[in-house]
Amino acid sequence: MIRISVTTARVDHPDNYLKQLVQLGADCLDFGRGSSFAGVKEQGYPDLDELLKLRRRLRSFGLEMNRVTLPDMSERFMRNLPGSDKELDNTVNAMKVFGEAGVPIVRQRFAGDTFDHWMLRYDAVQRGGVISRGESLRQDRPEPGTPTYEELQAWWERFLTVYGQLVPIAEEYRVKLSMHPSDTPNADTPFGGLGYPRVTDAFPSRQVGYVYCVGTRAEAGGSSLVLDEIERYGRQGRIHLVHMRNVRGSLPTAGGFEETLLDDGDMNMFKVLMALRKIGYDGCINPDHIPVLEGDDRERHSGDSRTACGIGLAYSIGYLKALLCAMYAV
């Protein structure tokens, strides 16, 4: 049975926020920031007792801990600078803690997997004044330019070093180690375009797979690419979590894109769900990157650090609940 998860960047959720999530129909939380867990600032990785305490609190409201994030691998580590290997020790220890706690899905972030300086980011104003993220390829590409082949290969070797230590731990604890695509998925980004399938090519373990972000992959190639990849990765059992995010435009067709409400983009999200059902997907779907609606306060209601459910989040959960009802009725 497909469930609904919501991303958060914090662990100190007010009781009323957790109650609102359950009332709206959310089932799980996905923790998107590796530094948010107790113990990370003090020792470099989460404290197991505090993590178990957090999970018990969430369960008392009827919520499960679905996906967590390891401490980030910084630019210093990816460039192999002196003293940076401590970061790898911390993320290995964090992986073991999450394994001990029985967390089902873990993500590792890597600095440098996107070329943000290529993009002009703006507030896109859409239907009725909805505000969402828009990005357009800059015509005047500022320095630094595209990394050289040698630079990209050196970056990839550092990625292989990290996953080379994390994958055996994932196998030992039966944890799913999941990669989100590079967002924005410009050409030559490590996990965008041709780089995305290299993760499972390099690590064929059944515990290695993807946080499959529908919106990010649509930015790379539209609806047809999304449906084809769901079929491909789904048959392989590689889709661990799905981000349900709709967009207008794509990098190949428009040189940019705008995120939208779930019913207002180029994709038919019901077709996406039916494709997931066809390949037997039974994980969570997550309505991330939710646009800001009239009445939403950006501080309290938007982003992953929200402390209350806004109109945009309520709409998105309700929309997905309705699609799931329709899908299971077919």
Protein backbone atom coordinates (compact mmCIF):
# COMPACT_ATOMS: atom_id res chain seq x y z
CA MET A 1 0.00 0.00 0.00
CA ILE A 2 1.44 3.37 -1.05
CA ARG A 3 1.61 5.87 1.80
CA ILE A 4 2.24 9.61 2.01
CA SER A 5 5.33 11.12 3.61
CA VAL A 6 6.23 14.77 4.25
CA THR A 7 9.75 16.21 4.28
CA THR A 8 11.06 18.05 7.32
CA ALA A 9 14.39 19.68 8.15
CA ARG A 10 13.84 19.72 11.90
CA VAL A 11 13.28 17.34 14.80
CA ASP A 12 11.63 19.75 17.26
CA HIS A 13 8.14 19.69 15.76
CA PRO A 14 5.34 21.34 17.73
CA ASP A 15 2.64 18.90 18.81
CA ASN A 16 -0.03 20.75 16.85
CA TYR A 17 1.98 20.41 13.62
CA LEU A 18 2.27 16.65 14.02
CA LYS A 19 -1.45 16.45 14.81
CA GLN A 20 -2.24 18.46 11.67
CA LEU A 21 -0.16 16.12 9.53
CA VAL A 22 -2.05 13.09 10.80
CA GLN A 23 -5.40 14.84 10.42
CA LEU A 24 -4.58 15.64 6.78
CA GLY A 25 -3.65 12.02 6.09
CA ALA A 26 0.16 11.93 6.17
CA ASP A 27 1.70 8.66 7.31
CA CYS A 28 5.44 9.31 7.62
CA LEU A 29 8.16 11.92 7.91
CA ASP A 30 11.27 12.19 5.72
CA PHE A 31 14.17 13.99 7.39
CA GLY A 32 16.00 16.06 4.79
CA ARG A 33 18.83 17.57 6.82
CA GLY A 34 21.58 15.41 8.27
CA SER A 35 22.67 18.04 10.78
CA SER A 36 19.27 18.26 12.47
CA PHE A 37 19.57 15.14 14.65
CA ALA A 38 20.69 15.33 18.25
CA GLY A 39 24.36 14.43 18.59
CA VAL A 40 25.54 15.54 15.15
CA LYS A 41 26.85 18.91 16.29
CA GLU A 42 28.52 17.39 19.34
CA GLN A 43 30.06 14.18 17.95
CA GLY A 44 29.53 14.32 14.19
CA TYR A 45 26.76 11.72 13.99
CA PRO A 46 23.34 11.11 15.62
CA ASP A 47 22.90 9.86 19.17
CA LEU A 48 21.09 6.52 19.07
CA ASP A 49 19.10 7.02 22.27
CA GLU A 50 17.87 10.44 21.13
CA LEU A 51 16.98 9.03 17.72
CA LEU A 52 14.91 6.24 19.29
CA LYS A 53 13.24 8.79 21.54
CA LEU A 54 12.31 10.85 18.46
CA ARG A 55 10.85 7.80 16.73
CA ARG A 56 8.76 6.93 19.81
CA ARG A 57 7.40 10.48 19.90
CA LEU A 58 6.43 10.37 16.22
CA ARG A 59 4.75 7.00 16.69
CA SER A 60 2.72 8.39 19.58
CA PHE A 61 1.05 10.66 16.99
CA GLY A 62 0.67 7.85 14.43
CA LEU A 63 3.65 8.81 12.25
CA GLU A 64 6.61 6.70 11.13
CA MET A 65 10.20 7.73 10.37
CA ASN A 66 10.57 6.83 6.69
CA ARG A 67 13.75 8.44 5.32
CA VAL A 68 16.68 10.15 7.01
CA THR A 69 19.74 12.01 5.74
CA LEU A 70 23.35 11.37 6.66
CA PRO A 71 25.76 14.24 7.50
CA ASP A 72 26.69 16.05 4.29
CA MET A 73 29.89 15.35 2.39
CA SER A 74 31.29 18.86 1.97
CA GLU A 75 33.27 20.47 -0.83
CA ARG A 76 36.39 19.96 1.28
CA PHE A 77 35.85 16.22 1.26
CA MET A 78 34.94 16.04 -2.42
CA ARG A 79 38.14 17.91 -3.25
CA ASN A 80 40.12 15.55 -1.00
CA LEU A 81 41.53 18.34 1.13
CA PRO A 82 43.66 17.53 4.20
CA GLY A 83 41.65 16.61 7.29
CA SER A 84 38.38 16.08 5.45
CA ASP A 85 38.32 12.30 5.86
CA LYS A 86 36.79 12.81 9.31
CA GLU A 87 33.55 13.52 7.43
CA LEU A 88 33.59 9.98 6.08
CA ASP A 89 34.08 8.57 9.58
CA ASN A 90 31.06 10.59 10.75
CA THR A 91 28.79 9.47 7.93
CA VAL A 92 29.82 5.81 8.43
CA ASN A 93 28.98 6.10 12.13
CA ALA A 94 25.68 7.81 11.28
CA MET A 95 24.81 4.97 8.90
CA LYS A 96 25.39 2.45 11.67
CA VAL A 97 23.23 4.43 14.09
CA PHE A 98 20.37 4.61 11.60
CA GLY A 99 20.78 0.89 10.95
CA GLU A 100 20.61 0.12 14.68
CA ALA A 101 17.46 2.23 14.91
CA GLY A 102 15.81 0.33 12.07
CA VAL A 103 15.34 3.34 9.79
CA PRO A 104 14.27 1.99 6.37
CA ILE A 105 15.75 4.57 3.96
CA VAL A 106 18.93 6.67 4.15
CA ARG A 107 20.19 9.38 1.79
CA GLN A 108 23.68 10.83 1.45
CA ARG A 109 24.19 14.35 0.07
CA PHE A 110 27.34 15.36 -1.83
CA ALA A 111 28.56 18.92 -2.39
CA GLY A 112 29.12 19.75 -6.04
CA ASP A 113 26.47 17.50 -7.57
CA THR A 114 24.73 20.57 -9.07
CA PHE A 115 25.94 23.61 -11.03
CA ASP A 116 23.77 26.23 -9.34
CA HIS A 117 25.73 29.15 -10.80
CA TRP A 118 24.43 28.19 -14.27
CA MET A 119 20.84 28.96 -13.27
CA LEU A 120 18.87 32.17 -12.77
CA ARG A 121 16.38 31.44 -9.98
CA TYR A 122 13.21 33.48 -9.57
CA ASP A 123 9.75 33.45 -7.99
CA ALA A 124 7.32 32.18 -10.62
CA VAL A 125 3.83 33.68 -10.23
CA GLN A 126 1.16 31.28 -11.46
CA ARG A 127 -2.57 30.57 -11.22
CA GLY A 128 -4.27 33.11 -8.94
CA GLY A 129 -0.94 34.38 -7.63
CA VAL A 130 0.59 31.07 -6.52
CA ILE A 131 4.34 31.53 -5.98
CA SER A 132 6.74 28.73 -6.88
CA ARG A 133 10.37 28.09 -7.76
CA GLY A 134 11.44 28.94 -11.28
CA GLU A 135 14.85 28.46 -12.88
CA SER A 136 16.24 29.49 -16.26
CA LEU A 137 19.62 28.69 -17.82
CA ARG A 138 21.82 31.76 -17.78
CA GLN A 139 23.11 32.84 -21.17
CA ASP A 140 26.18 34.41 -19.54
CA ARG A 141 27.57 31.36 -17.75
CA PRO A 142 29.65 32.78 -14.87
CA GLU A 143 32.87 31.22 -13.69
CA PRO A 144 33.58 28.51 -12.84
CA GLY A 145 32.43 26.96 -16.10
CA THR A 146 31.74 23.30 -16.80
CA PRO A 147 34.08 21.02 -14.85
CA THR A 148 36.64 19.25 -16.98
CA TYR A 149 36.40 15.52 -17.57
CA GLU A 150 39.30 15.01 -15.16
CA GLU A 151 37.56 17.08 -12.48
CA LEU A 152 34.33 15.14 -12.89
CA GLN A 153 36.20 11.84 -12.65
CA ALA A 154 38.00 12.98 -9.49
CA TRP A 155 34.63 13.93 -7.98
CA TRP A 156 33.22 10.53 -8.95
CA GLU A 157 36.12 8.73 -7.29
CA ARG A 158 35.31 10.49 -4.02
CA PHE A 159 31.68 9.44 -4.38
CA LEU A 160 32.81 5.83 -4.93
CA THR A 161 34.92 6.06 -1.77
CA VAL A 162 31.90 7.06 0.31
CA TYR A 163 29.44 4.56 -1.14
CA GLY A 164 32.12 1.88 -0.97
CA GLN A 165 31.95 2.15 2.83
CA LEU A 166 28.20 2.78 3.16
CA VAL A 167 26.90 -0.05 0.97
CA PRO A 168 28.22 -2.93 3.17
CA ILE A 169 26.58 -1.28 6.18
CA ALA A 170 23.32 -0.93 4.25
CA GLU A 171 23.48 -4.64 3.43
CA GLU A 172 24.27 -5.61 7.03
CA TYR A 173 21.33 -3.67 8.46
CA ARG A 174 18.99 -4.10 5.45
CA VAL A 175 18.75 -0.33 5.02
CA LYS A 176 17.96 1.18 1.62
CA LEU A 177 20.67 3.60 0.50
CA SER A 178 18.95 6.02 -1.85
CA MET A 179 20.21 8.73 -4.19
CA HIS A 180 18.21 11.82 -5.19
CA PRO A 181 18.90 13.07 -8.74
CA SER A 182 20.98 16.21 -9.20
CA ASP A 183 18.57 19.13 -8.91
CA THR A 184 18.93 21.01 -11.26
CA PRO A 185 19.82 18.13 -13.66
CA ASN A 186 22.11 20.01 -16.04
CA ALA A 187 24.32 18.10 -18.45
CA ASP A 188 27.38 16.59 -16.76
CA THR A 189 25.95 16.87 -13.25
CA PRO A 190 26.97 13.65 -11.44
CA PHE A 191 23.41 12.43 -10.77
CA GLY A 192 21.60 14.17 -13.63
CA GLY A 193 21.28 13.06 -17.24
CA LEU A 194 23.58 10.14 -17.97
CA GLY A 195 25.00 10.23 -14.44
CA TYR A 196 21.90 9.03 -12.63
CA PRO A 197 22.00 5.32 -13.59
CA ARG A 198 25.74 5.15 -12.88
CA VAL A 199 24.93 4.85 -9.17
CA THR A 200 23.43 1.39 -9.48
CA ASP A 201 25.86 0.44 -12.26
CA ALA A 202 28.70 1.02 -9.80
CA PHE A 203 26.86 -0.53 -6.83
CA PRO A 204 24.51 -3.34 -7.94
CA SER A 205 23.59 -4.24 -4.36
CA ARG A 206 19.84 -4.64 -3.90
CA GLN A 207 20.02 -2.11 -1.07
CA VAL A 208 21.14 0.67 -3.44
CA GLY A 209 18.54 2.66 -5.34
CA TYR A 210 16.84 6.01 -5.72
CA VAL A 211 14.79 8.72 -4.16
CA TYR A 212 13.01 9.09 -7.48
CA CYS A 213 12.05 12.74 -7.86
CA VAL A 214 9.38 12.99 -10.56
CA GLY A 215 9.80 16.75 -10.88
CA THR A 216 13.59 16.76 -11.15
CA ARG A 217 13.58 14.04 -13.78
CA ALA A 218 10.84 15.88 -15.70
CA GLU A 219 13.15 18.90 -15.70
CA ALA A 220 15.62 16.68 -17.56
CA GLY A 221 13.24 15.25 -20.15
CA GLY A 222 9.52 15.69 -19.50
CA SER A 223 6.74 13.17 -18.89
CA SER A 224 8.03 10.53 -21.31
CA LEU A 225 11.37 10.29 -19.51
CA VAL A 226 9.64 9.98 -16.12
CA LEU A 227 7.33 7.18 -17.25
CA ASP A 228 10.18 5.33 -18.99
CA GLU A 229 12.43 5.58 -15.93
CA ILE A 230 9.69 4.42 -13.55
CA GLU A 231 9.33 1.34 -15.75
CA ARG A 232 13.09 0.80 -15.90
CA TYR A 233 14.08 1.42 -12.28
CA GLY A 234 10.84 -0.05 -10.98
CA ARG A 235 11.45 -3.37 -12.71
CA GLN A 236 14.86 -3.41 -11.06
CA GLY A 237 13.38 -2.71 -7.62
CA ARG A 238 15.46 0.46 -7.35
CA ILE A 239 12.76 3.01 -6.48
CA HIS A 240 12.77 3.47 -2.71
CA LEU A 241 10.87 6.76 -2.34
CA VAL A 242 9.04 9.02 -4.80
CA HIS A 243 8.94 12.82 -4.73
CA MET A 244 5.68 13.91 -6.38
CA ARG A 245 6.53 17.32 -7.82
CA ASN A 246 4.99 18.76 -11.01
CA VAL A 247 6.71 21.24 -13.32
CA ARG A 248 6.18 23.29 -16.45
CA GLY A 249 8.86 23.14 -19.11
CA SER A 250 12.20 21.35 -19.06
CA LEU A 251 15.84 22.13 -19.71
CA PRO A 252 15.87 20.56 -23.22
CA THR A 253 12.60 22.16 -24.41
CA ALA A 254 12.51 25.53 -22.65
CA GLY A 255 15.96 26.11 -21.19
CA GLY A 256 14.33 26.20 -17.78
CA PHE A 257 11.34 25.13 -15.72
CA GLU A 258 8.86 26.21 -13.09
CA GLU A 259 7.54 24.04 -10.27
CA THR A 260 3.76 24.02 -9.91
CA LEU A 261 0.89 22.71 -7.85
CA LEU A 262 0.33 19.03 -8.53
CA ASP A 263 -2.55 19.59 -11.00
CA ASP A 264 -1.03 22.57 -12.84
CA GLY A 265 2.11 21.26 -14.53
CA ASP A 266 2.93 19.35 -17.69
CA MET A 267 2.61 15.90 -16.12
CA ASN A 268 -0.55 13.94 -15.41
CA MET A 269 0.17 12.80 -11.86
CA PHE A 270 -2.49 10.11 -12.01
CA LYS A 271 -0.57 8.50 -14.90
CA VAL A 272 2.56 8.66 -12.75
CA LEU A 273 0.78 6.84 -9.93
CA MET A 274 -0.59 4.22 -12.30
CA ALA A 275 2.93 3.64 -13.61
CA LEU A 276 4.14 3.15 -10.03
CA ARG A 277 1.30 0.73 -9.36
CA LYS A 278 2.15 -1.23 -12.51
CA ILE A 279 5.69 -1.94 -11.29
CA GLY A 280 4.45 -2.89 -7.81
CA TYR A 281 5.73 0.12 -5.93
CA ASP A 282 4.61 0.10 -2.27
CA GLY A 283 6.72 2.85 -0.68
CA CYS A 284 5.90 6.47 0.13
CA ILE A 285 5.03 9.34 -2.16
CA ASN A 286 6.11 12.77 -0.94
CA PRO A 287 4.64 16.11 -2.16
CA ASP A 288 7.84 18.11 -1.81
CA HIS A 289 8.71 21.67 -2.97
CA ILE A 290 5.18 22.91 -2.37
CA PRO A 291 4.32 26.33 -3.85
CA VAL A 292 3.15 29.16 -1.59
CA LEU A 293 -0.59 29.93 -1.67
CA GLU A 294 -2.50 33.01 -0.53
CA GLY A 295 -2.72 32.89 3.25
CA ASP A 296 0.47 30.86 3.67
CA ASP A 297 3.20 32.43 5.76
CA ARG A 298 6.63 31.62 4.32
CA GLU A 299 8.20 31.40 7.76
CA ARG A 300 5.62 29.09 9.35
CA HIS A 301 4.03 27.24 6.43
CA SER A 302 6.55 26.78 3.60
CA GLY A 303 9.82 24.95 3.17
CA ASP A 304 11.11 21.97 5.07
CA SER A 305 11.49 23.95 8.32
CA ARG A 306 7.76 24.69 8.59
CA THR A 307 6.17 24.64 12.03
CA ALA A 308 2.54 24.48 10.89
CA CYS A 309 0.56 23.04 7.99
CA GLY A 310 -0.21 25.68 5.38
CA ILE A 311 -2.80 25.70 2.62
CA GLY A 312 -0.29 24.45 0.04
CA LEU A 313 0.65 21.40 2.09
CA ALA A 314 -2.99 20.62 2.92
CA TYR A 315 -3.93 20.88 -0.76
CA SER A 316 -1.02 18.64 -1.81
CA ILE A 317 -1.72 15.88 0.71
CA GLY A 318 -5.43 15.98 -0.11
CA TYR A 319 -4.75 15.84 -3.84
CA LEU A 320 -2.52 12.79 -3.46
CA LYS A 321 -5.01 11.08 -1.14
CA ALA A 322 -7.72 11.55 -3.79
CA LEU A 323 -5.45 10.18 -6.55
CA LEU A 324 -4.63 7.15 -4.42
CA CYS A 325 -8.35 6.50 -3.77
CA ALA A 326 -9.02 6.69 -7.51
CA MET A 327 -6.04 4.49 -8.36
CA TYR A 328 -7.06 1.70 -5.97
CA ALA A 329 -10.64 1.87 -7.23
CA VAL A 330 -9.60 1.16 -10.85
